[in-house]
Amino acid sequence: MSERGYTTALAALADDLEFELNATKLYGRFANQAEDPLIKELLKELSRGEAGHMRGVRRLAETLRDPQTHVVFFCPLCGWQVDFGAAPAEGAPGKCPMCPGKYALRLADGDWVLDRLAP
């Protein structure tokens, strides 16, 4: 699995996953200690919600690591999607399909960056 182009995003997702795991455990522990049945059920529900967040964060990280996932940016000129395809090379050119915007991809500290090319 490659983190090429998504280093910062994947690091943030790893941090979020750790947070969600800790929250799941904490809510579960509090639920086990709660004597009031309504509070116990609320804490269990919060724990299940955090577990759902963990699944979503894992899925997003898997998507970013998938070599078939396209590198897509929003055109800074018009907001339309500029699709560079799956696993593009550094310097790959891209043209906005809606406006005259022309771009190239560059890697900076492991993250894709969009450079505007002269018209």
PDB file of N, CA and C in Angstrom:
ATOM      1  N   MET A   1       0.830  -1.186   0.000  1.00  0.00           N
ATOM      2  CA  MET A   1       0.000   0.000   0.000  1.00  0.00           C
ATOM      3  C   MET A   1       0.873   1.247   0.000  1.00  0.00           C
ATOM      4  N   SER A   2       0.528   2.177  -0.823  1.00  0.00           N
ATOM      5  CA  SER A   2       1.309   3.395  -0.963  1.00  0.00           C
ATOM      6  C   SER A   2       0.638   4.553  -0.251  1.00  0.00           C
ATOM      7  N   GLU A   3       1.455   5.376   0.378  1.00  0.00           N
ATOM      8  CA  GLU A   3       0.950   6.606   0.974  1.00  0.00           C
ATOM      9  C   GLU A   3       1.343   7.790   0.103  1.00  0.00           C
ATOM     10  N   ARG A   4       1.904   7.504  -1.063  1.00  0.00           N
ATOM     11  CA  ARG A   4       2.392   8.539  -1.961  1.00  0.00           C
ATOM     12  C   ARG A   4       1.272   9.504  -2.330  1.00  0.00           C
ATOM     13  N   GLY A   5       1.487  10.757  -2.012  1.00  0.00           N
ATOM     14  CA  GLY A   5       0.528  11.779  -2.347  1.00  0.00           C
ATOM     15  C   GLY A   5      -0.464  12.099  -1.240  1.00  0.00           C
ATOM     16  N   TYR A   6      -0.519  11.260  -0.222  1.00  0.00           N
ATOM     17  CA  TYR A   6      -1.517  11.430   0.833  1.00  0.00           C
ATOM     18  C   TYR A   6      -0.905  11.323   2.236  1.00  0.00           C
ATOM     19  N   THR A   7       0.365  11.632   2.370  1.00  0.00           N
ATOM     20  CA  THR A   7       1.054  11.459   3.649  1.00  0.00           C
ATOM     21  C   THR A   7       0.365  12.203   4.785  1.00  0.00           C
ATOM     22  N   THR A   8       0.063  13.477   4.587  1.00  0.00           N
ATOM     23  CA  THR A   8      -0.544  14.271   5.649  1.00  0.00           C
ATOM     24  C   THR A   8      -1.957  13.793   5.968  1.00  0.00           C
ATOM     25  N   ALA A   9      -2.742  13.513   4.952  1.00  0.00           N
ATOM     26  CA  ALA A   9      -4.114  13.043   5.171  1.00  0.00           C
ATOM     27  C   ALA A   9      -4.125  11.716   5.915  1.00  0.00           C
ATOM     28  N   LEU A  10      -3.243  10.793   5.538  1.00  0.00           N
ATOM     29  CA  LEU A  10      -3.211   9.494   6.196  1.00  0.00           C
ATOM     30  C   LEU A  10      -2.707   9.595   7.633  1.00  0.00           C
ATOM     31  N   ALA A  11      -1.787  10.512   7.895  1.00  0.00           N
ATOM     32  CA  ALA A  11      -1.327  10.733   9.272  1.00  0.00           C
ATOM     33  C   ALA A  11      -2.474  11.285  10.127  1.00  0.00           C
ATOM     34  N   ALA A  12      -3.241  12.212   9.563  1.00  0.00           N
ATOM     35  CA  ALA A  12      -4.384  12.769  10.289  1.00  0.00           C
ATOM     36  C   ALA A  12      -5.435  11.691  10.551  1.00  0.00           C
ATOM     37  N   LEU A  13      -5.670  10.823   9.579  1.00  0.00           N
ATOM     38  CA  LEU A  13      -6.629   9.738   9.765  1.00  0.00           C
ATOM     39  C   LEU A  13      -6.150   8.754  10.832  1.00  0.00           C
ATOM     40  N   ALA A  14      -4.847   8.483  10.879  1.00  0.00           N
ATOM     41  CA  ALA A  14      -4.296   7.604  11.911  1.00  0.00           C
ATOM     42  C   ALA A  14      -4.512   8.214  13.297  1.00  0.00           C
ATOM     43  N   ASP A  15      -4.297   9.515  13.420  1.00  0.00           N
ATOM     44  CA  ASP A  15      -4.545  10.202  14.695  1.00  0.00           C
ATOM     45  C   ASP A  15      -6.020  10.120  15.067  1.00  0.00           C
ATOM     46  N   ASP A  16      -6.895  10.342  14.074  1.00  0.00           N
ATOM     47  CA  ASP A  16      -8.331  10.288  14.326  1.00  0.00           C
ATOM     48  C   ASP A  16      -8.749   8.883  14.743  1.00  0.00           C
ATOM     49  N   LEU A  17      -8.175   7.879  14.097  1.00  0.00           N
ATOM     50  CA  LEU A  17      -8.503   6.498  14.437  1.00  0.00           C
ATOM     51  C   LEU A  17      -8.121   6.201  15.894  1.00  0.00           C
ATOM     52  N   GLU A  18      -6.971   6.693  16.318  1.00  0.00           N
ATOM     53  CA  GLU A  18      -6.549   6.499  17.711  1.00  0.00           C
ATOM     54  C   GLU A  18      -7.528   7.190  18.670  1.00  0.00           C
ATOM     55  N   PHE A  19      -7.942   8.413  18.320  1.00  0.00           N
ATOM     56  CA  PHE A  19      -8.915   9.136  19.136  1.00  0.00           C
ATOM     57  C   PHE A  19     -10.218   8.349  19.248  1.00  0.00           C
ATOM     58  N   GLU A  20     -10.721   7.865  18.118  1.00  0.00           N
ATOM     59  CA  GLU A  20     -11.992   7.133  18.107  1.00  0.00           C
ATOM     60  C   GLU A  20     -11.895   5.848  18.926  1.00  0.00           C
ATOM     61  N   LEU A  21     -10.766   5.162  18.828  1.00  0.00           N
ATOM     62  CA  LEU A  21     -10.559   3.935  19.603  1.00  0.00           C
ATOM     63  C   LEU A  21     -10.590   4.244  21.096  1.00  0.00           C
ATOM     64  N   ASN A  22      -9.876   5.294  21.504  1.00  0.00           N
ATOM     65  CA  ASN A  22      -9.864   5.672  22.915  1.00  0.00           C
ATOM     66  C   ASN A  22     -11.251   6.087  23.390  1.00  0.00           C
ATOM     67  N   ALA A  23     -11.991   6.820  22.562  1.00  0.00           N
ATOM     68  CA  ALA A  23     -13.338   7.247  22.936  1.00  0.00           C
ATOM     69  C   ALA A  23     -14.261   6.042  23.075  1.00  0.00           C
ATOM     70  N   THR A  24     -14.139   5.071  22.176  1.00  0.00           N
ATOM     71  CA  THR A  24     -14.958   3.862  22.245  1.00  0.00           C
ATOM     72  C   THR A  24     -14.718   3.140  23.563  1.00  0.00           C
ATOM     73  N   LYS A  25     -13.462   2.988  23.920  1.00  0.00           N
ATOM     74  CA  LYS A  25     -13.115   2.303  25.167  1.00  0.00           C
ATOM     75  C   LYS A  25     -13.605   3.081  26.381  1.00  0.00           C
ATOM     76  N   LEU A  26     -13.424   4.394  26.351  1.00  0.00           N
ATOM     77  CA  LEU A  26     -13.807   5.227  27.488  1.00  0.00           C
ATOM     78  C   LEU A  26     -15.322   5.190  27.713  1.00  0.00           C
ATOM     79  N   TYR A  27     -16.093   5.381  26.641  1.00  0.00           N
ATOM     80  CA  TYR A  27     -17.551   5.315  26.774  1.00  0.00           C
ATOM     81  C   TYR A  27     -17.990   3.932  27.258  1.00  0.00           C
ATOM     82  N   GLY A  28     -17.352   2.891  26.747  1.00  0.00           N
ATOM     83  CA  GLY A  28     -17.684   1.537  27.187  1.00  0.00           C
ATOM     84  C   GLY A  28     -17.397   1.334  28.663  1.00  0.00           C
ATOM     85  N   ARG A  29     -16.265   1.843  29.119  1.00  0.00           N
ATOM     86  CA  ARG A  29     -15.902   1.723  30.535  1.00  0.00           C
ATOM     87  C   ARG A  29     -16.897   2.493  31.405  1.00  0.00           C
ATOM     88  N   PHE A  30     -17.227   3.709  30.990  1.00  0.00           N
ATOM     89  CA  PHE A  30     -18.197   4.504  31.743  1.00  0.00           C
ATOM     90  C   PHE A  30     -19.563   3.814  31.761  1.00  0.00           C
ATOM     91  N   ALA A  31     -19.961   3.217  30.640  1.00  0.00           N
ATOM     92  CA  ALA A  31     -21.248   2.510  30.587  1.00  0.00           C
ATOM     93  C   ALA A  31     -21.267   1.362  31.577  1.00  0.00           C
ATOM     94  N   ASN A  32     -20.165   0.644  31.705  1.00  0.00           N
ATOM     95  CA  ASN A  32     -20.093  -0.473  32.648  1.00  0.00           C
ATOM     96  C   ASN A  32     -20.171   0.000  34.091  1.00  0.00           C
ATOM     97  N   GLN A  33     -19.731   1.222  34.343  1.00  0.00           N
ATOM     98  CA  GLN A  33     -19.723   1.755  35.707  1.00  0.00           C
ATOM     99  C   GLN A  33     -21.024   2.470  36.062  1.00  0.00           C
ATOM    100  N   ALA A  34     -21.789   2.859  35.061  1.00  0.00           N
ATOM    101  CA  ALA A  34     -23.010   3.634  35.306  1.00  0.00           C
ATOM    102  C   ALA A  34     -24.065   2.770  35.994  1.00  0.00           C
ATOM    103  N   GLU A  35     -24.733   3.368  36.963  1.00  0.00           N
ATOM    104  CA  GLU A  35     -25.797   2.660  37.667  1.00  0.00           C
ATOM    105  C   GLU A  35     -27.171   3.010  37.089  1.00  0.00           C
ATOM    106  N   ASP A  36     -27.314   4.223  36.599  1.00  0.00           N
ATOM    107  CA  ASP A  36     -28.579   4.656  36.019  1.00  0.00           C
ATOM    108  C   ASP A  36     -28.743   3.995  34.645  1.00  0.00           C
ATOM    109  N   PRO A  37     -29.848   3.267  34.420  1.00  0.00           N
ATOM    110  CA  PRO A  37     -30.028   2.565  33.141  1.00  0.00           C
ATOM    111  C   PRO A  37     -30.068   3.490  31.922  1.00  0.00           C
ATOM    112  N   LEU A  38     -30.608   4.700  32.076  1.00  0.00           N
ATOM    113  CA  LEU A  38     -30.653   5.627  30.944  1.00  0.00           C
ATOM    114  C   LEU A  38     -29.260   6.138  30.595  1.00  0.00           C
ATOM    115  N   ILE A  39     -28.478   6.438  31.598  1.00  0.00           N
ATOM    116  CA  ILE A  39     -27.101   6.889  31.359  1.00  0.00           C
ATOM    117  C   ILE A  39     -26.277   5.747  30.782  1.00  0.00           C
ATOM    118  N   LYS A  40     -26.460   4.554  31.312  1.00  0.00           N
ATOM    119  CA  LYS A  40     -25.748   3.372  30.798  1.00  0.00           C
ATOM    120  C   LYS A  40     -26.033   3.182  29.310  1.00  0.00           C
ATOM    121  N   GLU A  41     -27.329   3.291  28.927  1.00  0.00           N
ATOM    122  CA  GLU A  41     -27.702   3.107  27.516  1.00  0.00           C
ATOM    123  C   GLU A  41     -27.153   4.233  26.646  1.00  0.00           C
ATOM    124  N   LEU A  42     -27.174   5.460  27.150  1.00  0.00           N
ATOM    125  CA  LEU A  42     -26.609   6.593  26.405  1.00  0.00           C
ATOM    126  C   LEU A  42     -25.123   6.374  26.136  1.00  0.00           C
ATOM    127  N   LEU A  43     -24.390   5.959  27.147  1.00  0.00           N
ATOM    128  CA  LEU A  43     -22.952   5.736  26.985  1.00  0.00           C
ATOM    129  C   LEU A  43     -22.665   4.580  26.026  1.00  0.00           C
ATOM    130  N   LYS A  44     -23.495   3.550  26.069  1.00  0.00           N
ATOM    131  CA  LYS A  44     -23.339   2.439  25.114  1.00  0.00           C
ATOM    132  C   LYS A  44     -23.584   2.927  23.686  1.00  0.00           C
ATOM    133  N   GLU A  45     -24.601   3.770  23.531  1.00  0.00           N
ATOM    134  CA  GLU A  45     -24.907   4.315  22.212  1.00  0.00           C
ATOM    135  C   GLU A  45     -23.748   5.186  21.700  1.00  0.00           C
ATOM    136  N   LEU A  46     -23.179   5.985  22.582  1.00  0.00           N
ATOM    137  CA  LEU A  46     -22.018   6.802  22.196  1.00  0.00           C
ATOM    138  C   LEU A  46     -20.840   5.920  21.791  1.00  0.00           C
ATOM    139  N   SER A  47     -20.623   4.837  22.515  1.00  0.00           N
ATOM    140  CA  SER A  47     -19.544   3.906  22.187  1.00  0.00           C
ATOM    141  C   SER A  47     -19.771   3.271  20.811  1.00  0.00           C
ATOM    142  N   ARG A  48     -21.018   2.873  20.524  1.00  0.00           N
ATOM    143  CA  ARG A  48     -21.329   2.304  19.204  1.00  0.00           C
ATOM    144  C   ARG A  48     -21.119   3.339  18.100  1.00  0.00           C
ATOM    145  N   GLY A  49     -21.471   4.590  18.385  1.00  0.00           N
ATOM    146  CA  GLY A  49     -21.251   5.659  17.403  1.00  0.00           C
ATOM    147  C   GLY A  49     -19.775   5.845  17.090  1.00  0.00           C
ATOM    148  N   GLU A  50     -18.950   5.831  18.122  1.00  0.00           N
ATOM    149  CA  GLU A  50     -17.502   5.968  17.911  1.00  0.00           C
ATOM    150  C   GLU A  50     -16.953   4.777  17.119  1.00  0.00           C
ATOM    151  N   ALA A  51     -17.490   3.586  17.380  1.00  0.00           N
ATOM    152  CA  ALA A  51     -17.059   2.404  16.619  1.00  0.00           C
ATOM    153  C   ALA A  51     -17.411   2.571  15.144  1.00  0.00           C
ATOM    154  N   GLY A  52     -18.562   3.182  14.865  1.00  0.00           N
ATOM    155  CA  GLY A  52     -18.938   3.466  13.473  1.00  0.00           C
ATOM    156  C   GLY A  52     -17.992   4.466  12.842  1.00  0.00           C
ATOM    157  N   HIS A  53     -17.581   5.471  13.603  1.00  0.00           N
ATOM    158  CA  HIS A  53     -16.599   6.437  13.098  1.00  0.00           C
ATOM    159  C   HIS A  53     -15.296   5.732  12.745  1.00  0.00           C
ATOM    160  N   MET A  54     -14.880   4.784  13.590  1.00  0.00           N
ATOM    161  CA  MET A  54     -13.635   4.046  13.315  1.00  0.00           C
ATOM    162  C   MET A  54     -13.732   3.316  11.979  1.00  0.00           C
ATOM    163  N   ARG A  55     -14.862   2.679  11.716  1.00  0.00           N
ATOM    164  CA  ARG A  55     -15.031   1.974  10.433  1.00  0.00           C
ATOM    165  C   ARG A  55     -14.928   2.947   9.268  1.00  0.00           C
ATOM    166  N   GLY A  56     -15.549   4.108   9.399  1.00  0.00           N
ATOM    167  CA  GLY A  56     -15.491   5.106   8.333  1.00  0.00           C
ATOM    168  C   GLY A  56     -14.086   5.628   8.104  1.00  0.00           C
ATOM    169  N   VAL A  57     -13.349   5.885   9.166  1.00  0.00           N
ATOM    170  CA  VAL A  57     -11.969   6.379   9.044  1.00  0.00           C
ATOM    171  C   VAL A  57     -11.101   5.316   8.380  1.00  0.00           C
ATOM    172  N   ARG A  58     -11.261   4.062   8.788  1.00  0.00           N
ATOM    173  CA  ARG A  58     -10.479   2.972   8.166  1.00  0.00           C
ATOM    174  C   ARG A  58     -10.790   2.860   6.668  1.00  0.00           C
ATOM    175  N   ARG A  59     -12.081   2.948   6.320  1.00  0.00           N
ATOM    176  CA  ARG A  59     -12.474   2.865   4.898  1.00  0.00           C
ATOM    177  C   ARG A  59     -11.863   3.993   4.088  1.00  0.00           C
ATOM    178  N   LEU A  60     -11.872   5.203   4.642  1.00  0.00           N
ATOM    179  CA  LEU A  60     -11.292   6.339   3.931  1.00  0.00           C
ATOM    180  C   LEU A  60      -9.796   6.143   3.728  1.00  0.00           C
ATOM    181  N   ALA A  61      -9.084   5.685   4.755  1.00  0.00           N
ATOM    182  CA  ALA A  61      -7.641   5.430   4.621  1.00  0.00           C
ATOM    183  C   ALA A  61      -7.381   4.353   3.568  1.00  0.00           C
ATOM    184  N   GLU A  62      -8.196   3.302   3.558  1.00  0.00           N
ATOM    185  CA  GLU A  62      -8.047   2.248   2.551  1.00  0.00           C
ATOM    186  C   GLU A  62      -8.257   2.810   1.149  1.00  0.00           C
ATOM    187  N   THR A  63      -9.236   3.687   1.002  1.00  0.00           N
ATOM    188  CA  THR A  63      -9.506   4.297  -0.301  1.00  0.00           C
ATOM    189  C   THR A  63      -8.311   5.119  -0.767  1.00  0.00           C
ATOM    190  N   LEU A  64      -7.723   5.900   0.124  1.00  0.00           N
ATOM    191  CA  LEU A  64      -6.567   6.719  -0.256  1.00  0.00           C
ATOM    192  C   LEU A  64      -5.354   5.863  -0.621  1.00  0.00           C
ATOM    193  N   ARG A  65      -5.233   4.691  -0.005  1.00  0.00           N
ATOM    194  CA  ARG A  65      -4.100   3.806  -0.296  1.00  0.00           C
ATOM    195  C   ARG A  65      -4.334   2.938  -1.537  1.00  0.00           C
ATOM    196  N   ASP A  66      -5.566   2.835  -1.982  1.00  0.00           N
ATOM    197  CA  ASP A  66      -5.911   1.986  -3.124  1.00  0.00           C
ATOM    198  C   ASP A  66      -5.323   2.575  -4.405  1.00  0.00           C
ATOM    199  N   PRO A  67      -4.494   1.819  -5.120  1.00  0.00           N
ATOM    200  CA  PRO A  67      -3.880   2.348  -6.336  1.00  0.00           C
ATOM    201  C   PRO A  67      -4.887   2.664  -7.443  1.00  0.00           C
ATOM    202  N   GLN A  68      -6.121   2.203  -7.313  1.00  0.00           N
ATOM    203  CA  GLN A  68      -7.151   2.490  -8.316  1.00  0.00           C
ATOM    204  C   GLN A  68      -7.903   3.800  -8.037  1.00  0.00           C
ATOM    205  N   THR A  69      -7.653   4.406  -6.874  1.00  0.00           N
ATOM    206  CA  THR A  69      -8.325   5.659  -6.532  1.00  0.00           C
ATOM    207  C   THR A  69      -7.725   6.795  -7.352  1.00  0.00           C
ATOM    208  N   HIS A  70      -8.570   7.566  -7.980  1.00  0.00           N
ATOM    209  CA  HIS A  70      -8.119   8.682  -8.803  1.00  0.00           C
ATOM    210  C   HIS A  70      -7.697   9.859  -7.930  1.00  0.00           C
ATOM    211  N   VAL A  71      -6.671  10.565  -8.390  1.00  0.00           N
ATOM    212  CA  VAL A  71      -6.244  11.809  -7.759  1.00  0.00           C
ATOM    213  C   VAL A  71      -7.080  12.917  -8.385  1.00  0.00           C
ATOM    214  N   VAL A  72      -7.912  13.568  -7.565  1.00  0.00           N
ATOM    215  CA  VAL A  72      -8.832  14.584  -8.052  1.00  0.00           C
ATOM    216  C   VAL A  72      -8.677  15.845  -7.211  1.00  0.00           C
ATOM    217  N   PHE A  73      -8.564  16.965  -7.896  1.00  0.00           N
ATOM    218  CA  PHE A  73      -8.531  18.277  -7.249  1.00  0.00           C
ATOM    219  C   PHE A  73      -9.696  19.095  -7.761  1.00  0.00           C
ATOM    220  N   PHE A  74     -10.099  20.091  -6.992  1.00  0.00           N
ATOM    221  CA  PHE A  74     -11.077  21.053  -7.466  1.00  0.00           C
ATOM    222  C   PHE A  74     -10.333  22.212  -8.111  1.00  0.00           C
ATOM    223  N   CYS A  75     -10.763  22.581  -9.284  1.00  0.00           N
ATOM    224  CA  CYS A  75     -10.142  23.669 -10.027  1.00  0.00           C
ATOM    225  C   CYS A  75     -10.234  24.953  -9.194  1.00  0.00           C
ATOM    226  N   PRO A  76      -9.093  25.614  -8.939  1.00  0.00           N
ATOM    227  CA  PRO A  76      -9.133  26.856  -8.169  1.00  0.00           C
ATOM    228  C   PRO A  76      -9.840  28.000  -8.905  1.00  0.00           C
ATOM    229  N   LEU A  77      -9.990  27.881 -10.212  1.00  0.00           N
ATOM    230  CA  LEU A  77     -10.652  28.932 -10.983  1.00  0.00           C
ATOM    231  C   LEU A  77     -12.167  28.818 -10.956  1.00  0.00           C
ATOM    232  N   CYS A  78     -12.686  27.596 -11.133  1.00  0.00           N
ATOM    233  CA  CYS A  78     -14.136  27.455 -11.258  1.00  0.00           C
ATOM    234  C   CYS A  78     -14.741  26.446 -10.292  1.00  0.00           C
ATOM    235  N   GLY A  79     -13.928  25.642  -9.626  1.00  0.00           N
ATOM    236  CA  GLY A  79     -14.447  24.687  -8.660  1.00  0.00           C
ATOM    237  C   GLY A  79     -14.813  23.327  -9.217  1.00  0.00           C
ATOM    238  N   TRP A  80     -14.632  23.127 -10.525  1.00  0.00           N
ATOM    239  CA  TRP A  80     -14.947  21.838 -11.136  1.00  0.00           C
ATOM    240  C   TRP A  80     -13.843  20.846 -10.805  1.00  0.00           C
ATOM    241  N   GLN A  81     -14.105  19.552 -10.986  1.00  0.00           N
ATOM    242  CA  GLN A  81     -13.113  18.524 -10.688  1.00  0.00           C
ATOM    243  C   GLN A  81     -12.113  18.363 -11.823  1.00  0.00           C
ATOM    244  N   VAL A  82     -10.833  18.308 -11.442  1.00  0.00           N
ATOM    245  CA  VAL A  82      -9.763  18.003 -12.382  1.00  0.00           C
ATOM    246  C   VAL A  82      -9.236  16.629 -11.970  1.00  0.00           C
ATOM    247  N   ASP A  83      -9.456  15.631 -12.806  1.00  0.00           N
ATOM    248  CA  ASP A  83      -9.133  14.244 -12.499  1.00  0.00           C
ATOM    249  C   ASP A  83      -7.816  13.884 -13.170  1.00  0.00           C
ATOM    250  N   PHE A  84      -6.848  13.488 -12.353  1.00  0.00           N
ATOM    251  CA  PHE A  84      -5.534  13.109 -12.865  1.00  0.00           C
ATOM    252  C   PHE A  84      -5.397  11.598 -13.028  1.00  0.00           C
ATOM    253  N   GLY A  85      -6.474  10.868 -12.784  1.00  0.00           N
ATOM    254  CA  GLY A  85      -6.445   9.423 -12.944  1.00  0.00           C
ATOM    255  C   GLY A  85      -5.839   8.728 -11.741  1.00  0.00           C
ATOM    256  N   ALA A  86      -5.732   7.404 -11.856  1.00  0.00           N
ATOM    257  CA  ALA A  86      -5.156   6.597 -10.781  1.00  0.00           C
ATOM    258  C   ALA A  86      -3.641   6.556 -10.928  1.00  0.00           C
ATOM    259  N   ALA A  87      -2.943   6.696  -9.815  1.00  0.00           N
ATOM    260  CA  ALA A  87      -1.480   6.595  -9.748  1.00  0.00           C
ATOM    261  C   ALA A  87      -0.767   7.464 -10.780  1.00  0.00           C
ATOM    262  N   PRO A  88      -1.050   8.765 -10.815  1.00  0.00           N
ATOM    263  CA  PRO A  88      -0.373   9.628 -11.789  1.00  0.00           C
ATOM    264  C   PRO A  88       1.095   9.843 -11.412  1.00  0.00           C
ATOM    265  N   ALA A  89       1.875  10.175 -12.402  1.00  0.00           N
ATOM    266  CA  ALA A  89       3.284  10.493 -12.173  1.00  0.00           C
ATOM    267  C   ALA A  89       3.395  11.952 -11.739  1.00  0.00           C
ATOM    268  N   GLU A  90       4.450  12.245 -11.030  1.00  0.00           N
ATOM    269  CA  GLU A  90       4.693  13.636 -10.666  1.00  0.00           C
ATOM    270  C   GLU A  90       4.877  14.433 -11.954  1.00  0.00           C
ATOM    271  N   GLY A  91       4.276  15.598 -12.004  1.00  0.00           N
ATOM    272  CA  GLY A  91       4.318  16.425 -13.204  1.00  0.00           C
ATOM    273  C   GLY A  91       3.188  16.133 -14.170  1.00  0.00           C
ATOM    274  N   ALA A  92       2.329  15.180 -13.810  1.00  0.00           N
ATOM    275  CA  ALA A  92       1.215  14.828 -14.695  1.00  0.00           C
ATOM    276  C   ALA A  92       0.372  16.069 -14.982  1.00  0.00           C
ATOM    277  N   PRO A  93       0.063  16.300 -16.261  1.00  0.00           N
ATOM    278  CA  PRO A  93      -0.752  17.462 -16.604  1.00  0.00           C
ATOM    279  C   PRO A  93      -2.239  17.164 -16.443  1.00  0.00           C
ATOM    280  N   GLY A  94      -3.001  18.215 -16.203  1.00  0.00           N
ATOM    281  CA  GLY A  94      -4.445  18.083 -16.120  1.00  0.00           C
ATOM    282  C   GLY A  94      -5.097  19.364 -16.582  1.00  0.00           C
ATOM    283  N   LYS A  95      -6.237  19.238 -17.222  1.00  0.00           N
ATOM    284  CA  LYS A  95      -6.982  20.400 -17.702  1.00  0.00           C
ATOM    285  C   LYS A  95      -8.379  20.339 -17.132  1.00  0.00           C
ATOM    286  N   CYS A  96      -8.848  21.469 -16.646  1.00  0.00           N
ATOM    287  CA  CYS A  96     -10.214  21.550 -16.153  1.00  0.00           C
ATOM    288  C   CYS A  96     -11.155  21.395 -17.348  1.00  0.00           C
ATOM    289  N   PRO A  97     -12.154  20.524 -17.219  1.00  0.00           N
ATOM    290  CA  PRO A  97     -13.078  20.333 -18.334  1.00  0.00           C
ATOM    291  C   PRO A  97     -14.087  21.475 -18.504  1.00  0.00           C
ATOM    292  N   MET A  98     -14.114  22.422 -17.555  1.00  0.00           N
ATOM    293  CA  MET A  98     -15.119  23.480 -17.608  1.00  0.00           C
ATOM    294  C   MET A  98     -14.556  24.870 -17.880  1.00  0.00           C
ATOM    295  N   CYS A  99     -13.272  25.068 -17.676  1.00  0.00           N
ATOM    296  CA  CYS A  99     -12.697  26.403 -17.857  1.00  0.00           C
ATOM    297  C   CYS A  99     -11.293  26.254 -18.450  1.00  0.00           C
ATOM    298  N   PRO A 100     -10.581  27.342 -18.680  1.00  0.00           N
ATOM    299  CA  PRO A 100      -9.259  27.227 -19.308  1.00  0.00           C
ATOM    300  C   PRO A 100      -8.139  26.789 -18.353  1.00  0.00           C
ATOM    301  N   GLY A 101      -8.458  26.439 -17.113  1.00  0.00           N
ATOM    302  CA  GLY A 101      -7.429  26.076 -16.143  1.00  0.00           C
ATOM    303  C   GLY A 101      -6.607  24.865 -16.561  1.00  0.00           C
ATOM    304  N   LYS A 102      -5.274  25.032 -16.531  1.00  0.00           N
ATOM    305  CA  LYS A 102      -4.333  23.935 -16.815  1.00  0.00           C
ATOM    306  C   LYS A 102      -3.421  23.797 -15.606  1.00  0.00           C
ATOM    307  N   TYR A 103      -3.162  22.532 -15.226  1.00  0.00           N
ATOM    308  CA  TYR A 103      -2.451  22.259 -13.986  1.00  0.00           C
ATOM    309  C   TYR A 103      -1.462  21.114 -14.159  1.00  0.00           C
ATOM    310  N   ALA A 104      -0.584  20.986 -13.167  1.00  0.00           N
ATOM    311  CA  ALA A 104       0.334  19.851 -13.084  1.00  0.00           C
ATOM    312  C   ALA A 104       0.400  19.424 -11.627  1.00  0.00           C
ATOM    313  N   LEU A 105       0.631  18.136 -11.419  1.00  0.00           N
ATOM    314  CA  LEU A 105       0.777  17.609 -10.065  1.00  0.00           C
ATOM    315  C   LEU A 105       2.240  17.654  -9.647  1.00  0.00           C
ATOM    316  N   ARG A 106       2.425  17.943  -8.369  1.00  0.00           N
ATOM    317  CA  ARG A 106       3.769  17.948  -7.793  1.00  0.00           C
ATOM    318  C   ARG A 106       3.664  17.317  -6.414  1.00  0.00           C
ATOM    319  N   LEU A 107       4.697  16.572  -6.025  1.00  0.00           N
ATOM    320  CA  LEU A 107       4.762  16.025  -4.674  1.00  0.00           C
ATOM    321  C   LEU A 107       5.554  16.978  -3.797  1.00  0.00           C
ATOM    322  N   ALA A 108       4.976  17.346  -2.656  1.00  0.00           N
ATOM    323  CA  ALA A 108       5.660  18.201  -1.684  1.00  0.00           C
ATOM    324  C   ALA A 108       5.492  17.550  -0.315  1.00  0.00           C
ATOM    325  N   ASP A 109       6.572  17.085   0.240  1.00  0.00           N
ATOM    326  CA  ASP A 109       6.547  16.414   1.552  1.00  0.00           C
ATOM    327  C   ASP A 109       5.561  15.253   1.577  1.00  0.00           C
ATOM    328  N   GLY A 110       5.479  14.516   0.477  1.00  0.00           N
ATOM    329  CA  GLY A 110       4.625  13.338   0.407  1.00  0.00           C
ATOM    330  C   GLY A 110       3.174  13.589   0.050  1.00  0.00           C
ATOM    331  N   ASP A 111       2.818  14.861  -0.230  1.00  0.00           N
ATOM    332  CA  ASP A 111       1.431  15.209  -0.561  1.00  0.00           C
ATOM    333  C   ASP A 111       1.348  15.760  -1.971  1.00  0.00           C
ATOM    334  N   TRP A 112       0.258  15.418  -2.660  1.00  0.00           N
ATOM    335  CA  TRP A 112       0.016  16.002  -3.973  1.00  0.00           C
ATOM    336  C   TRP A 112      -0.296  17.481  -3.821  1.00  0.00           C
ATOM    337  N   VAL A 113       0.300  18.281  -4.699  1.00  0.00           N
ATOM    338  CA  VAL A 113       0.048  19.717  -4.752  1.00  0.00           C
ATOM    339  C   VAL A 113      -0.305  20.049  -6.204  1.00  0.00           C
ATOM    340  N   LEU A 114      -1.243  20.951  -6.367  1.00  0.00           N
ATOM    341  CA  LEU A 114      -1.696  21.361  -7.686  1.00  0.00           C
ATOM    342  C   LEU A 114      -0.975  22.649  -8.074  1.00  0.00           C
ATOM    343  N   ASP A 115      -0.230  22.611  -9.163  1.00  0.00           N
ATOM    344  CA  ASP A 115       0.441  23.804  -9.686  1.00  0.00           C
ATOM    345  C   ASP A 115      -0.286  24.279 -10.936  1.00  0.00           C
ATOM    346  N   ARG A 116      -0.587  25.571 -10.980  1.00  0.00           N
ATOM    347  CA  ARG A 116      -1.234  26.129 -12.165  1.00  0.00           C
ATOM    348  C   ARG A 116      -0.188  26.376 -13.237  1.00  0.00           C
ATOM    349  N   LEU A 117      -0.512  25.955 -14.445  1.00  0.00           N
ATOM    350  CA  LEU A 117       0.369  26.176 -15.588  1.00  0.00           C
ATOM    351  C   LEU A 117      -0.051  27.442 -16.288  1.00  0.00           C
ATOM    352  N   ALA A 118       0.887  28.076 -16.933  1.00  0.00           N
ATOM    353  CA  ALA A 118       0.582  29.313 -17.690  1.00  0.00           C
ATOM    354  C   ALA A 118      -0.426  28.985 -18.787  1.00  0.00           C
ATOM    355  N   PRO A 119      -1.381  29.900 -19.020  1.00  0.00           N
ATOM    356  CA  PRO A 119      -2.401  29.650 -20.055  1.00  0.00           C
ATOM    357  C   PRO A 119      -1.804  29.587 -21.452  1.00  0.00           C
TER     358      PRO A 119
END
